[in-house]
Amino acid sequence: MSKIKFVLILLIVYGLYKGYEVFTEFEIGVSDRVAVLEEAADYERQDEVIALMMYLGNPPRLNEHLLVKSKSKCLDMKQIAEETSFAYYECAVVDANIRGGKIISINEELEVLE
């Protein structure tokens, strides 16, 4: 009899675990789908993001910019770029217009990351 109770308790715990997993995956899935739909709809938004920016010329003029997901990734990419090029690179938090996961234009540079 105790083996049956033990198996039933395990089944109930497993069912609760699966229910929790389904609920959390649903929330994550919805936010992912919203992001995909915004990109597909060519939706433009204004947001504060981290950008790797390349400056060329004398005086330096912004030539290219790239949206980066994290500060550490940006600093790693900056180091690699400076080793392979003669341009000036800078990681910064910027206020930018974004469409489809790409920076369309930079409105304001808010903070330079070191």
N, C-alpha and C. Protein backbone atom coordinates (compact mmCIF):
# COMPACT_ATOMS: atom_id res chain seq x y z
N MET A 1 0.81 -1.19 0.00
CA MET A 1 0.00 0.00 0.00
C MET A 1 0.86 1.26 0.00
N SER A 2 1.98 1.25 0.72
CA SER A 2 2.82 2.43 0.80
C SER A 2 3.50 2.73 -0.54
N LYS A 3 3.76 1.68 -1.33
CA LYS A 3 4.36 1.89 -2.65
C LYS A 3 3.38 2.62 -3.57
N ILE A 4 2.13 2.31 -3.48
CA ILE A 4 1.10 2.95 -4.30
C ILE A 4 0.98 4.42 -3.91
N LYS A 5 0.98 4.71 -2.62
CA LYS A 5 0.92 6.09 -2.14
C LYS A 5 2.14 6.88 -2.63
N PHE A 6 3.31 6.26 -2.54
CA PHE A 6 4.54 6.91 -2.98
C PHE A 6 4.49 7.24 -4.47
N VAL A 7 4.00 6.30 -5.28
CA VAL A 7 3.88 6.52 -6.72
C VAL A 7 2.86 7.62 -7.01
N LEU A 8 1.73 7.63 -6.30
CA LEU A 8 0.73 8.67 -6.48
C LEU A 8 1.28 10.05 -6.13
N ILE A 9 2.03 10.14 -5.04
CA ILE A 9 2.63 11.42 -4.64
C ILE A 9 3.62 11.88 -5.71
N LEU A 10 4.42 10.98 -6.22
CA LEU A 10 5.36 11.33 -7.29
C LEU A 10 4.63 11.81 -8.53
N LEU A 11 3.52 11.18 -8.89
CA LEU A 11 2.74 11.59 -10.05
C LEU A 11 2.12 12.98 -9.84
N ILE A 12 1.65 13.25 -8.65
CA ILE A 12 1.07 14.57 -8.35
C ILE A 12 2.15 15.64 -8.42
N VAL A 13 3.31 15.39 -7.83
CA VAL A 13 4.41 16.36 -7.88
C VAL A 13 4.85 16.59 -9.32
N TYR A 14 4.95 15.52 -10.09
CA TYR A 14 5.34 15.66 -11.50
C TYR A 14 4.30 16.47 -12.27
N GLY A 15 3.02 16.24 -12.01
CA GLY A 15 1.95 17.00 -12.66
C GLY A 15 2.02 18.49 -12.31
N LEU A 16 2.27 18.79 -11.04
CA LEU A 16 2.42 20.20 -10.64
C LEU A 16 3.63 20.84 -11.32
N TYR A 17 4.73 20.10 -11.40
CA TYR A 17 5.93 20.60 -12.06
C TYR A 17 5.64 20.90 -13.54
N LYS A 18 5.00 19.98 -14.22
CA LYS A 18 4.70 20.18 -15.64
C LYS A 18 3.73 21.35 -15.83
N GLY A 19 2.77 21.51 -14.93
CA GLY A 19 1.85 22.64 -15.02
C GLY A 19 2.59 23.97 -14.86
N TYR A 20 3.50 24.03 -13.90
CA TYR A 20 4.31 25.24 -13.70
C TYR A 20 5.16 25.53 -14.93
N GLU A 21 5.77 24.49 -15.48
CA GLU A 21 6.62 24.64 -16.66
C GLU A 21 5.82 25.17 -17.86
N VAL A 22 4.63 24.65 -18.07
CA VAL A 22 3.78 25.10 -19.17
C VAL A 22 3.40 26.57 -18.98
N PHE A 23 3.07 26.94 -17.75
CA PHE A 23 2.68 28.33 -17.47
C PHE A 23 3.83 29.30 -17.72
N THR A 24 5.04 28.98 -17.25
CA THR A 24 6.18 29.90 -17.45
C THR A 24 6.60 29.94 -18.91
N GLU A 25 6.56 28.82 -19.60
CA GLU A 25 6.90 28.81 -21.03
C GLU A 25 5.91 29.62 -21.84
N PHE A 26 4.65 29.62 -21.43
CA PHE A 26 3.64 30.41 -22.13
C PHE A 26 3.97 31.89 -22.05
N GLU A 27 4.36 32.38 -20.86
CA GLU A 27 4.70 33.79 -20.70
C GLU A 27 5.92 34.16 -21.54
N ILE A 28 6.95 33.31 -21.53
CA ILE A 28 8.15 33.57 -22.32
C ILE A 28 7.82 33.53 -23.80
N GLY A 29 7.01 32.56 -24.21
CA GLY A 29 6.63 32.43 -25.61
C GLY A 29 5.87 33.63 -26.13
N VAL A 30 5.02 34.21 -25.30
CA VAL A 30 4.24 35.38 -25.72
C VAL A 30 5.16 36.57 -25.98
N SER A 31 6.11 36.83 -25.07
CA SER A 31 7.01 37.98 -25.27
C SER A 31 7.90 37.77 -26.49
N ASP A 32 8.33 36.52 -26.73
CA ASP A 32 9.12 36.24 -27.92
C ASP A 32 8.32 36.46 -29.19
N ARG A 33 7.06 36.06 -29.18
CA ARG A 33 6.21 36.24 -30.35
C ARG A 33 5.94 37.71 -30.63
N VAL A 34 5.80 38.50 -29.57
CA VAL A 34 5.60 39.94 -29.75
C VAL A 34 6.82 40.56 -30.44
N ALA A 35 8.02 40.17 -30.00
CA ALA A 35 9.23 40.68 -30.63
C ALA A 35 9.32 40.28 -32.10
N VAL A 36 8.97 39.05 -32.40
CA VAL A 36 9.00 38.58 -33.80
C VAL A 36 7.99 39.35 -34.64
N LEU A 37 6.80 39.58 -34.10
CA LEU A 37 5.78 40.32 -34.84
C LEU A 37 6.18 41.77 -35.07
N GLU A 38 6.83 42.39 -34.08
CA GLU A 38 7.29 43.78 -34.26
C GLU A 38 8.31 43.86 -35.38
N GLU A 39 9.24 42.89 -35.43
CA GLU A 39 10.24 42.89 -36.49
C GLU A 39 9.60 42.63 -37.85
N ALA A 40 8.65 41.72 -37.91
CA ALA A 40 8.01 41.39 -39.18
C ALA A 40 7.14 42.54 -39.68
N ALA A 41 6.56 43.30 -38.77
CA ALA A 41 5.68 44.40 -39.16
C ALA A 41 6.46 45.66 -39.49
N ASP A 42 7.78 45.59 -39.41
CA ASP A 42 8.62 46.74 -39.70
C ASP A 42 8.28 47.90 -38.77
N TYR A 43 8.11 47.58 -37.50
CA TYR A 43 7.73 48.52 -36.46
C TYR A 43 8.97 49.28 -35.99
N GLU A 44 8.91 50.59 -35.97
CA GLU A 44 10.03 51.40 -35.51
C GLU A 44 9.72 51.92 -34.11
N ARG A 45 10.71 51.79 -33.23
CA ARG A 45 10.53 52.26 -31.86
C ARG A 45 11.77 53.02 -31.41
N GLN A 46 11.60 53.83 -30.37
CA GLN A 46 12.71 54.58 -29.80
C GLN A 46 13.02 53.98 -28.45
N ASP A 47 14.32 53.69 -28.19
CA ASP A 47 14.68 53.01 -26.96
C ASP A 47 16.13 53.32 -26.60
N GLU A 48 16.47 53.09 -25.33
CA GLU A 48 17.85 53.20 -24.88
C GLU A 48 18.50 51.83 -25.06
N VAL A 49 19.58 51.76 -25.84
CA VAL A 49 20.25 50.50 -26.13
C VAL A 49 21.76 50.69 -26.04
N ILE A 50 22.47 49.57 -26.05
CA ILE A 50 23.93 49.59 -26.09
C ILE A 50 24.36 49.48 -27.54
N ALA A 51 25.27 50.36 -27.95
CA ALA A 51 25.71 50.36 -29.34
C ALA A 51 27.24 50.39 -29.42
N LEU A 52 27.77 49.68 -30.40
CA LEU A 52 29.19 49.78 -30.75
C LEU A 52 29.25 50.73 -31.93
N MET A 53 30.00 51.84 -31.75
CA MET A 53 30.05 52.86 -32.78
C MET A 53 31.47 53.00 -33.32
N MET A 54 31.59 53.21 -34.63
CA MET A 54 32.88 53.37 -35.28
C MET A 54 32.99 54.80 -35.81
N TYR A 55 34.08 55.46 -35.44
CA TYR A 55 34.34 56.82 -35.89
C TYR A 55 35.53 56.82 -36.83
N LEU A 56 35.43 57.58 -37.92
CA LEU A 56 36.52 57.72 -38.90
C LEU A 56 36.77 59.20 -39.16
N GLY A 57 37.97 59.51 -39.62
CA GLY A 57 38.30 60.86 -40.06
C GLY A 57 38.91 61.71 -38.97
N ASN A 58 39.27 62.92 -39.41
CA ASN A 58 39.83 63.91 -38.48
C ASN A 58 39.15 65.23 -38.77
N PRO A 59 38.27 65.74 -38.00
CA PRO A 59 37.80 65.25 -36.70
C PRO A 59 36.96 63.99 -36.86
N PRO A 60 36.91 63.16 -35.80
CA PRO A 60 36.17 61.89 -35.89
C PRO A 60 34.69 62.12 -36.19
N ARG A 61 34.18 61.32 -37.13
CA ARG A 61 32.78 61.40 -37.54
C ARG A 61 32.19 60.01 -37.45
N LEU A 62 30.99 59.90 -36.88
CA LEU A 62 30.33 58.60 -36.75
C LEU A 62 30.08 58.02 -38.13
N ASN A 63 30.64 56.84 -38.37
CA ASN A 63 30.53 56.20 -39.67
C ASN A 63 29.56 55.01 -39.64
N GLU A 64 29.64 54.18 -38.59
CA GLU A 64 28.78 53.01 -38.47
C GLU A 64 28.39 52.80 -37.02
N HIS A 65 27.27 52.09 -36.81
CA HIS A 65 26.84 51.73 -35.47
C HIS A 65 26.18 50.37 -35.50
N LEU A 66 26.28 49.66 -34.39
CA LEU A 66 25.78 48.30 -34.31
C LEU A 66 25.09 48.08 -32.97
N LEU A 67 23.88 47.54 -32.98
CA LEU A 67 23.15 47.23 -31.77
C LEU A 67 23.77 45.99 -31.13
N VAL A 68 24.06 46.08 -29.82
CA VAL A 68 24.68 44.98 -29.09
C VAL A 68 23.82 44.66 -27.87
N LYS A 69 23.72 43.37 -27.51
CA LYS A 69 22.82 42.95 -26.45
C LYS A 69 23.32 43.26 -25.04
N SER A 70 24.64 43.24 -24.81
CA SER A 70 25.15 43.44 -23.46
C SER A 70 26.43 44.27 -23.47
N LYS A 71 26.75 44.83 -22.31
CA LYS A 71 27.95 45.65 -22.15
C LYS A 71 29.20 44.82 -22.38
N SER A 72 29.25 43.63 -21.80
CA SER A 72 30.44 42.79 -21.94
C SER A 72 30.68 42.39 -23.40
N LYS A 73 29.60 42.05 -24.11
CA LYS A 73 29.72 41.69 -25.53
C LYS A 73 30.24 42.88 -26.34
N CYS A 74 29.75 44.07 -26.03
CA CYS A 74 30.18 45.27 -26.74
C CYS A 74 31.67 45.54 -26.51
N LEU A 75 32.09 45.43 -25.25
CA LEU A 75 33.51 45.68 -24.95
C LEU A 75 34.42 44.65 -25.60
N ASP A 76 33.97 43.39 -25.67
CA ASP A 76 34.75 42.35 -26.35
C ASP A 76 34.86 42.67 -27.85
N MET A 77 33.74 43.05 -28.46
CA MET A 77 33.75 43.37 -29.89
C MET A 77 34.61 44.61 -30.16
N LYS A 78 34.59 45.58 -29.25
CA LYS A 78 35.40 46.79 -29.41
C LYS A 78 36.88 46.44 -29.40
N GLN A 79 37.27 45.58 -28.47
CA GLN A 79 38.68 45.18 -28.37
C GLN A 79 39.14 44.48 -29.65
N ILE A 80 38.34 43.58 -30.16
CA ILE A 80 38.70 42.86 -31.40
C ILE A 80 38.78 43.84 -32.57
N ALA A 81 37.82 44.77 -32.66
CA ALA A 81 37.79 45.72 -33.76
C ALA A 81 39.01 46.65 -33.72
N GLU A 82 39.40 47.10 -32.53
CA GLU A 82 40.55 48.00 -32.43
C GLU A 82 41.85 47.29 -32.78
N GLU A 83 41.93 45.98 -32.54
CA GLU A 83 43.13 45.22 -32.89
C GLU A 83 43.26 45.01 -34.39
N THR A 84 42.15 45.04 -35.12
CA THR A 84 42.18 44.73 -36.54
C THR A 84 41.94 45.93 -37.44
N SER A 85 41.80 47.14 -36.85
CA SER A 85 41.47 48.31 -37.65
C SER A 85 42.10 49.56 -37.04
N PHE A 86 42.16 50.62 -37.83
CA PHE A 86 42.73 51.88 -37.36
C PHE A 86 41.65 52.90 -36.99
N ALA A 87 40.40 52.50 -37.04
CA ALA A 87 39.30 53.40 -36.68
C ALA A 87 39.20 53.51 -35.16
N TYR A 88 38.45 54.53 -34.69
CA TYR A 88 38.19 54.70 -33.27
C TYR A 88 36.83 54.09 -32.97
N TYR A 89 36.78 53.21 -31.96
CA TYR A 89 35.54 52.54 -31.59
C TYR A 89 35.13 52.95 -30.19
N GLU A 90 33.81 52.95 -29.97
CA GLU A 90 33.29 53.36 -28.67
C GLU A 90 32.01 52.56 -28.37
N CYS A 91 31.92 52.06 -27.14
CA CYS A 91 30.69 51.43 -26.67
C CYS A 91 29.94 52.46 -25.85
N ALA A 92 28.66 52.61 -26.11
CA ALA A 92 27.89 53.62 -25.39
C ALA A 92 26.43 53.21 -25.28
N VAL A 93 25.80 53.74 -24.24
CA VAL A 93 24.35 53.64 -24.12
C VAL A 93 23.79 54.83 -24.88
N VAL A 94 22.94 54.56 -25.86
CA VAL A 94 22.41 55.62 -26.72
C VAL A 94 20.89 55.55 -26.77
N ASP A 95 20.30 56.70 -27.05
CA ASP A 95 18.87 56.78 -27.34
C ASP A 95 18.76 56.69 -28.86
N ALA A 96 18.16 55.61 -29.35
CA ALA A 96 18.16 55.36 -30.79
C ALA A 96 16.79 54.92 -31.29
N ASN A 97 16.59 55.09 -32.60
CA ASN A 97 15.42 54.55 -33.28
C ASN A 97 15.81 53.18 -33.80
N ILE A 98 14.99 52.17 -33.48
CA ILE A 98 15.31 50.79 -33.83
C ILE A 98 14.19 50.21 -34.68
N ARG A 99 14.58 49.48 -35.72
CA ARG A 99 13.61 48.79 -36.57
C ARG A 99 14.20 47.44 -36.95
N GLY A 100 13.47 46.39 -36.68
CA GLY A 100 13.91 45.05 -37.07
C GLY A 100 15.21 44.63 -36.41
N GLY A 101 15.46 45.03 -35.17
CA GLY A 101 16.68 44.64 -34.47
C GLY A 101 17.92 45.39 -34.91
N LYS A 102 17.75 46.48 -35.65
CA LYS A 102 18.89 47.28 -36.12
C LYS A 102 18.67 48.74 -35.76
N ILE A 103 19.76 49.44 -35.52
CA ILE A 103 19.68 50.86 -35.23
C ILE A 103 19.51 51.62 -36.54
N ILE A 104 18.44 52.40 -36.61
CA ILE A 104 18.19 53.23 -37.79
C ILE A 104 18.91 54.57 -37.65
N SER A 105 18.75 55.20 -36.48
CA SER A 105 19.45 56.47 -36.24
C SER A 105 19.68 56.64 -34.75
N ILE A 106 20.73 57.36 -34.41
CA ILE A 106 21.06 57.64 -33.02
C ILE A 106 20.62 59.07 -32.72
N ASN A 107 19.77 59.21 -31.71
CA ASN A 107 19.27 60.53 -31.33
C ASN A 107 20.21 61.23 -30.36
N GLU A 108 20.73 60.45 -29.38
CA GLU A 108 21.57 61.06 -28.36
C GLU A 108 22.45 59.99 -27.72
N GLU A 109 23.70 60.34 -27.44
CA GLU A 109 24.61 59.46 -26.74
C GLU A 109 24.48 59.77 -25.25
N LEU A 110 24.04 58.79 -24.47
CA LEU A 110 23.76 59.02 -23.06
C LEU A 110 24.93 58.74 -22.13
N GLU A 111 25.65 57.64 -22.37
CA GLU A 111 26.75 57.25 -21.48
C GLU A 111 27.76 56.41 -22.25
N VAL A 112 29.05 56.76 -22.11
CA VAL A 112 30.11 55.98 -22.72
C VAL A 112 30.52 54.87 -21.75
N LEU A 113 30.60 53.64 -22.25
CA LEU A 113 30.97 52.49 -21.42
C LEU A 113 32.46 52.23 -21.50
N GLU A 114 33.06 51.95 -20.39
CA GLU A 114 34.50 51.66 -20.34
C GLU A 114 34.73 50.24 -19.90
